[in-house]
Amino acid sequence: MSQVIKIQPVVSKSDYHSAMKRIEVLMDSENKSKTEDLELETLFILVENYEEEHFPFPSADPIEAIKFRMEQEGLSQTDLAKILGSKNRASEYLNRKIPLSIHAMRKIKEALGISGDILLQKYLTKK
């Protein structure tokens, strides 16, 4: 007997948050069934489509993209410091005192889901 999945379209902020919570549960599951794998893949597509429509990234500036994503996720500079492993680095990056390192770009891409193409864009640093 096959398991039936009930998947809702992601059209509101509430739908988005519900889908993200379900994705987290499925990602944490060690022994997913084929049905759960299919559900996870489908939720990824629905969430990605919602994000592309409702959370567009600023086109060129990596620091603004990071700030924008942090705002979307309700994250603070302290949260970014945890991602990067350094409170000082987080401050220096966000205040444009130093350019993003490749190591930082990788961590930010993984944690915040910001495209590497955006993070690689040039931006002015303060002197």
N, C-alpha and C. Protein backbone atom coordinates (compact mmCIF):
# COMPACT_ATOMS: atom_id res chain seq x y z
N MET A 1 0.85 -1.19 0.00
CA MET A 1 0.00 0.00 0.00
C MET A 1 0.89 1.24 0.00
N SER A 2 0.65 2.15 -0.93
CA SER A 2 1.48 3.35 -1.01
C SER A 2 0.93 4.44 -0.10
N GLN A 3 1.83 5.26 0.36
CA GLN A 3 1.50 6.35 1.26
C GLN A 3 1.07 7.57 0.43
N VAL A 4 0.03 8.27 0.89
CA VAL A 4 -0.46 9.45 0.19
C VAL A 4 0.15 10.68 0.85
N ILE A 5 0.66 11.58 0.04
CA ILE A 5 1.23 12.83 0.53
C ILE A 5 0.25 13.95 0.23
N LYS A 6 0.07 14.83 1.20
CA LYS A 6 -0.76 16.00 0.99
C LYS A 6 0.17 17.21 0.89
N ILE A 7 0.33 17.71 -0.32
CA ILE A 7 1.21 18.86 -0.54
C ILE A 7 0.36 20.05 -0.94
N GLN A 8 0.58 21.14 -0.23
CA GLN A 8 -0.14 22.38 -0.49
C GLN A 8 0.72 23.30 -1.36
N PRO A 9 0.11 24.10 -2.19
CA PRO A 9 0.90 25.10 -2.91
C PRO A 9 1.47 26.12 -1.92
N VAL A 10 2.60 26.69 -2.27
CA VAL A 10 3.23 27.70 -1.41
C VAL A 10 2.94 29.05 -2.04
N VAL A 11 1.90 29.71 -1.50
CA VAL A 11 1.47 30.99 -2.06
C VAL A 11 1.45 32.12 -1.04
N SER A 12 1.68 31.81 0.23
CA SER A 12 1.68 32.84 1.27
C SER A 12 2.88 32.65 2.18
N LYS A 13 3.12 33.65 3.00
CA LYS A 13 4.23 33.57 3.96
C LYS A 13 4.01 32.40 4.92
N SER A 14 2.77 32.19 5.31
CA SER A 14 2.43 31.08 6.20
C SER A 14 2.73 29.74 5.53
N ASP A 15 2.33 29.60 4.27
CA ASP A 15 2.62 28.38 3.51
C ASP A 15 4.13 28.16 3.43
N TYR A 16 4.85 29.25 3.18
CA TYR A 16 6.30 29.18 3.06
C TYR A 16 6.93 28.66 4.35
N HIS A 17 6.52 29.24 5.49
CA HIS A 17 7.09 28.82 6.77
C HIS A 17 6.72 27.37 7.09
N SER A 18 5.51 26.97 6.78
CA SER A 18 5.09 25.58 7.00
C SER A 18 5.91 24.63 6.14
N ALA A 19 6.11 24.99 4.89
CA ALA A 19 6.90 24.15 3.99
C ALA A 19 8.35 24.05 4.48
N MET A 20 8.91 25.17 4.94
CA MET A 20 10.28 25.17 5.45
C MET A 20 10.40 24.27 6.68
N LYS A 21 9.42 24.30 7.55
CA LYS A 21 9.44 23.43 8.74
C LYS A 21 9.38 21.97 8.33
N ARG A 22 8.54 21.66 7.36
CA ARG A 22 8.42 20.27 6.89
C ARG A 22 9.71 19.82 6.20
N ILE A 23 10.33 20.71 5.44
CA ILE A 23 11.61 20.40 4.81
C ILE A 23 12.65 20.06 5.87
N GLU A 24 12.68 20.85 6.93
CA GLU A 24 13.63 20.62 8.02
C GLU A 24 13.41 19.25 8.65
N VAL A 25 12.15 18.89 8.90
CA VAL A 25 11.83 17.58 9.47
C VAL A 25 12.30 16.47 8.54
N LEU A 26 11.99 16.61 7.26
CA LEU A 26 12.39 15.59 6.29
C LEU A 26 13.91 15.50 6.14
N MET A 27 14.58 16.65 6.17
CA MET A 27 16.04 16.65 6.05
C MET A 27 16.69 15.96 7.25
N ASP A 28 16.09 16.10 8.43
CA ASP A 28 16.64 15.50 9.64
C ASP A 28 16.35 14.00 9.73
N SER A 29 15.40 13.53 8.96
CA SER A 29 15.02 12.12 8.98
C SER A 29 16.11 11.27 8.33
N GLU A 30 16.57 10.26 9.05
CA GLU A 30 17.65 9.42 8.53
C GLU A 30 17.16 8.33 7.60
N ASN A 31 15.98 7.80 7.84
CA ASN A 31 15.47 6.69 7.05
C ASN A 31 14.23 7.10 6.28
N LYS A 32 14.42 8.00 5.29
CA LYS A 32 13.29 8.47 4.52
C LYS A 32 12.79 7.40 3.56
N SER A 33 11.49 7.32 3.44
CA SER A 33 10.89 6.43 2.45
C SER A 33 10.98 7.12 1.08
N LYS A 34 10.68 6.37 0.03
CA LYS A 34 10.67 6.95 -1.32
C LYS A 34 9.61 8.06 -1.40
N THR A 35 8.52 7.86 -0.70
CA THR A 35 7.45 8.86 -0.68
C THR A 35 7.94 10.15 -0.02
N GLU A 36 8.67 10.01 1.08
CA GLU A 36 9.20 11.19 1.77
C GLU A 36 10.27 11.89 0.93
N ASP A 37 11.07 11.12 0.22
CA ASP A 37 12.06 11.72 -0.70
C ASP A 37 11.35 12.54 -1.78
N LEU A 38 10.28 11.99 -2.32
CA LEU A 38 9.50 12.69 -3.34
C LEU A 38 8.86 13.95 -2.76
N GLU A 39 8.34 13.84 -1.55
CA GLU A 39 7.75 15.00 -0.88
C GLU A 39 8.80 16.10 -0.68
N LEU A 40 9.98 15.72 -0.23
CA LEU A 40 11.06 16.67 -0.01
C LEU A 40 11.44 17.37 -1.31
N GLU A 41 11.61 16.62 -2.36
CA GLU A 41 11.96 17.19 -3.66
C GLU A 41 10.89 18.16 -4.15
N THR A 42 9.64 17.78 -3.98
CA THR A 42 8.53 18.64 -4.40
C THR A 42 8.48 19.92 -3.57
N LEU A 43 8.67 19.80 -2.26
CA LEU A 43 8.68 20.99 -1.40
C LEU A 43 9.82 21.93 -1.76
N PHE A 44 10.98 21.37 -2.09
CA PHE A 44 12.11 22.20 -2.52
C PHE A 44 11.73 23.05 -3.73
N ILE A 45 11.09 22.43 -4.69
CA ILE A 45 10.69 23.13 -5.91
C ILE A 45 9.67 24.22 -5.59
N LEU A 46 8.68 23.90 -4.78
CA LEU A 46 7.65 24.88 -4.42
C LEU A 46 8.24 26.06 -3.66
N VAL A 47 9.12 25.77 -2.72
CA VAL A 47 9.75 26.83 -1.92
C VAL A 47 10.66 27.68 -2.80
N GLU A 48 11.43 27.04 -3.66
CA GLU A 48 12.32 27.78 -4.56
C GLU A 48 11.52 28.74 -5.45
N ASN A 49 10.42 28.27 -6.00
CA ASN A 49 9.57 29.12 -6.84
C ASN A 49 9.01 30.29 -6.04
N TYR A 50 8.58 30.04 -4.82
CA TYR A 50 8.05 31.10 -3.97
C TYR A 50 9.14 32.13 -3.67
N GLU A 51 10.33 31.65 -3.34
CA GLU A 51 11.44 32.56 -3.01
C GLU A 51 11.83 33.42 -4.21
N GLU A 52 11.88 32.81 -5.38
CA GLU A 52 12.25 33.57 -6.58
C GLU A 52 11.25 34.69 -6.85
N GLU A 53 9.99 34.43 -6.58
CA GLU A 53 8.96 35.43 -6.83
C GLU A 53 8.88 36.49 -5.73
N HIS A 54 9.03 36.08 -4.47
CA HIS A 54 8.80 36.98 -3.34
C HIS A 54 10.04 37.52 -2.66
N PHE A 55 11.20 36.88 -2.87
CA PHE A 55 12.43 37.31 -2.22
C PHE A 55 13.55 37.53 -3.23
N PRO A 56 13.34 38.38 -4.21
CA PRO A 56 14.41 38.57 -5.19
C PRO A 56 15.62 39.24 -4.54
N PHE A 57 16.79 38.83 -4.94
CA PHE A 57 18.01 39.42 -4.40
C PHE A 57 18.34 40.70 -5.16
N PRO A 58 18.89 41.68 -4.44
CA PRO A 58 19.42 42.84 -5.17
C PRO A 58 20.45 42.32 -6.17
N SER A 59 20.51 42.92 -7.33
CA SER A 59 21.24 42.32 -8.42
C SER A 59 22.75 42.24 -8.27
N ALA A 60 23.42 43.22 -7.72
CA ALA A 60 24.87 43.18 -7.83
C ALA A 60 25.63 43.24 -6.52
N ASP A 61 25.11 43.85 -5.50
CA ASP A 61 25.90 44.09 -4.31
C ASP A 61 25.81 42.93 -3.30
N PRO A 62 26.91 42.23 -3.07
CA PRO A 62 26.88 41.08 -2.17
C PRO A 62 26.51 41.42 -0.73
N ILE A 63 26.98 42.55 -0.23
CA ILE A 63 26.69 42.93 1.15
C ILE A 63 25.20 43.23 1.32
N GLU A 64 24.63 43.91 0.34
CA GLU A 64 23.19 44.18 0.41
C GLU A 64 22.39 42.88 0.30
N ALA A 65 22.87 41.94 -0.49
CA ALA A 65 22.21 40.63 -0.61
C ALA A 65 22.26 39.89 0.73
N ILE A 66 23.39 39.95 1.40
CA ILE A 66 23.53 39.30 2.72
C ILE A 66 22.58 39.96 3.72
N LYS A 67 22.58 41.29 3.76
CA LYS A 67 21.70 42.01 4.68
C LYS A 67 20.23 41.71 4.39
N PHE A 68 19.89 41.65 3.12
CA PHE A 68 18.52 41.38 2.70
C PHE A 68 18.09 39.99 3.17
N ARG A 69 18.95 38.98 2.94
CA ARG A 69 18.61 37.62 3.36
C ARG A 69 18.54 37.51 4.88
N MET A 70 19.45 38.20 5.57
CA MET A 70 19.42 38.18 7.03
C MET A 70 18.10 38.77 7.54
N GLU A 71 17.66 39.85 6.91
CA GLU A 71 16.39 40.47 7.29
C GLU A 71 15.23 39.50 7.04
N GLN A 72 15.25 38.83 5.89
CA GLN A 72 14.19 37.86 5.57
C GLN A 72 14.11 36.76 6.62
N GLU A 73 15.26 36.30 7.06
CA GLU A 73 15.32 35.18 7.99
C GLU A 73 15.28 35.63 9.46
N GLY A 74 15.22 36.93 9.69
CA GLY A 74 15.19 37.43 11.07
C GLY A 74 16.52 37.22 11.79
N LEU A 75 17.62 37.30 11.05
CA LEU A 75 18.94 37.07 11.63
C LEU A 75 19.62 38.38 12.00
N SER A 76 20.47 38.32 13.00
CA SER A 76 21.22 39.49 13.44
C SER A 76 22.69 39.33 13.04
N GLN A 77 23.46 40.36 13.31
CA GLN A 77 24.89 40.30 13.04
C GLN A 77 25.53 39.20 13.90
N THR A 78 25.01 38.98 15.08
CA THR A 78 25.49 37.90 15.95
C THR A 78 25.29 36.55 15.29
N ASP A 79 24.14 36.37 14.62
CA ASP A 79 23.88 35.12 13.91
C ASP A 79 24.87 34.93 12.77
N LEU A 80 25.16 36.02 12.05
CA LEU A 80 26.15 35.95 10.97
C LEU A 80 27.52 35.61 11.54
N ALA A 81 27.84 36.17 12.70
CA ALA A 81 29.13 35.88 13.35
C ALA A 81 29.24 34.39 13.66
N LYS A 82 28.14 33.78 14.08
CA LYS A 82 28.15 32.34 14.35
C LYS A 82 28.40 31.55 13.07
N ILE A 83 27.81 32.00 11.98
CA ILE A 83 28.01 31.33 10.69
C ILE A 83 29.48 31.43 10.26
N LEU A 84 30.05 32.61 10.44
CA LEU A 84 31.42 32.86 9.99
C LEU A 84 32.47 32.45 11.00
N GLY A 85 32.05 32.28 12.25
CA GLY A 85 33.00 31.90 13.29
C GLY A 85 33.77 33.07 13.89
N SER A 86 33.36 34.30 13.57
CA SER A 86 34.07 35.47 14.08
C SER A 86 33.16 36.69 14.12
N LYS A 87 33.01 37.26 15.30
CA LYS A 87 32.20 38.46 15.46
C LYS A 87 32.84 39.65 14.72
N ASN A 88 34.16 39.74 14.82
CA ASN A 88 34.87 40.85 14.17
C ASN A 88 34.74 40.78 12.65
N ARG A 89 34.89 39.58 12.08
CA ARG A 89 34.78 39.42 10.63
C ARG A 89 33.39 39.80 10.14
N ALA A 90 32.38 39.35 10.87
CA ALA A 90 31.00 39.67 10.47
C ALA A 90 30.83 41.18 10.41
N SER A 91 31.32 41.87 11.41
CA SER A 91 31.23 43.33 11.45
C SER A 91 32.01 43.97 10.30
N GLU A 92 33.22 43.48 10.08
CA GLU A 92 34.05 44.04 9.01
C GLU A 92 33.41 43.85 7.64
N TYR A 93 32.84 42.68 7.40
CA TYR A 93 32.17 42.43 6.12
C TYR A 93 30.95 43.32 5.96
N LEU A 94 30.07 43.33 6.97
CA LEU A 94 28.82 44.09 6.86
C LEU A 94 29.06 45.59 6.77
N ASN A 95 30.14 46.06 7.36
CA ASN A 95 30.47 47.49 7.31
C ASN A 95 31.44 47.83 6.18
N ARG A 96 31.67 46.84 5.30
CA ARG A 96 32.48 47.02 4.09
C ARG A 96 33.92 47.44 4.37
N LYS A 97 34.43 47.05 5.51
CA LYS A 97 35.80 47.40 5.84
C LYS A 97 36.79 46.49 5.11
N ILE A 98 36.39 45.25 4.86
CA ILE A 98 37.22 44.31 4.11
C ILE A 98 36.33 43.55 3.12
N PRO A 99 36.92 43.07 2.01
CA PRO A 99 36.12 42.28 1.06
C PRO A 99 35.86 40.88 1.60
N LEU A 100 34.80 40.27 1.12
CA LEU A 100 34.48 38.90 1.51
C LEU A 100 35.58 37.95 1.05
N SER A 101 35.97 37.05 1.93
CA SER A 101 36.94 36.01 1.54
C SER A 101 36.18 34.86 0.87
N ILE A 102 36.89 34.05 0.13
CA ILE A 102 36.27 32.88 -0.50
C ILE A 102 35.68 31.98 0.58
N HIS A 103 36.40 31.81 1.67
CA HIS A 103 35.93 30.97 2.79
C HIS A 103 34.60 31.52 3.33
N ALA A 104 34.52 32.82 3.51
CA ALA A 104 33.28 33.44 4.01
C ALA A 104 32.16 33.27 3.00
N MET A 105 32.47 33.44 1.71
CA MET A 105 31.45 33.27 0.67
C MET A 105 30.86 31.87 0.71
N ARG A 106 31.71 30.88 0.88
CA ARG A 106 31.24 29.49 0.94
C ARG A 106 30.31 29.29 2.13
N LYS A 107 30.71 29.80 3.29
CA LYS A 107 29.88 29.64 4.50
C LYS A 107 28.55 30.36 4.35
N ILE A 108 28.58 31.55 3.80
CA ILE A 108 27.35 32.34 3.61
C ILE A 108 26.45 31.66 2.59
N LYS A 109 27.03 31.18 1.51
CA LYS A 109 26.25 30.47 0.48
C LYS A 109 25.53 29.28 1.09
N GLU A 110 26.24 28.50 1.88
CA GLU A 110 25.67 27.30 2.49
C GLU A 110 24.60 27.65 3.53
N ALA A 111 24.89 28.63 4.39
CA ALA A 111 23.97 28.95 5.49
C ALA A 111 22.77 29.78 5.05
N LEU A 112 22.98 30.72 4.13
CA LEU A 112 21.91 31.64 3.77
C LEU A 112 21.33 31.38 2.39
N GLY A 113 21.97 30.50 1.63
CA GLY A 113 21.43 30.16 0.31
C GLY A 113 21.58 31.27 -0.72
N ILE A 114 22.56 32.12 -0.54
CA ILE A 114 22.80 33.19 -1.51
C ILE A 114 23.72 32.64 -2.59
N SER A 115 23.36 32.87 -3.82
CA SER A 115 24.13 32.37 -4.96
C SER A 115 25.57 32.86 -4.91
N GLY A 116 26.48 31.96 -5.26
CA GLY A 116 27.89 32.33 -5.34
C GLY A 116 28.11 33.43 -6.36
N ASP A 117 27.30 33.47 -7.42
CA ASP A 117 27.42 34.52 -8.43
C ASP A 117 27.22 35.90 -7.82
N ILE A 118 26.28 36.00 -6.90
CA ILE A 118 26.03 37.29 -6.23
C ILE A 118 27.17 37.62 -5.29
N LEU A 119 27.60 36.63 -4.50
CA LEU A 119 28.66 36.87 -3.51
C LEU A 119 29.99 37.24 -4.17
N LEU A 120 30.20 36.80 -5.40
CA LEU A 120 31.45 37.10 -6.11
C LEU A 120 31.48 38.50 -6.73
N GLN A 121 30.35 39.17 -6.79
CA GLN A 121 30.28 40.50 -7.41
C GLN A 121 31.18 41.48 -6.66
N LYS A 122 31.78 42.39 -7.41
CA LYS A 122 32.59 43.45 -6.80
C LYS A 122 31.71 44.42 -6.05
N TYR A 123 32.27 44.97 -4.98
CA TYR A 123 31.59 46.05 -4.26
C TYR A 123 32.65 46.93 -3.65
N LEU A 124 32.27 48.13 -3.36
CA LEU A 124 33.21 49.08 -2.77
C LEU A 124 33.37 48.82 -1.29
N THR A 125 34.63 48.81 -0.84
CA THR A 125 34.90 48.71 0.59
C THR A 125 35.30 50.08 1.08
N LYS A 126 35.11 50.31 2.37
CA LYS A 126 35.50 51.58 2.97
C LYS A 126 37.00 51.59 3.17
N LYS A 127 37.58 52.75 3.02
CA LYS A 127 39.03 52.88 3.25
C LYS A 127 39.29 53.81 4.39
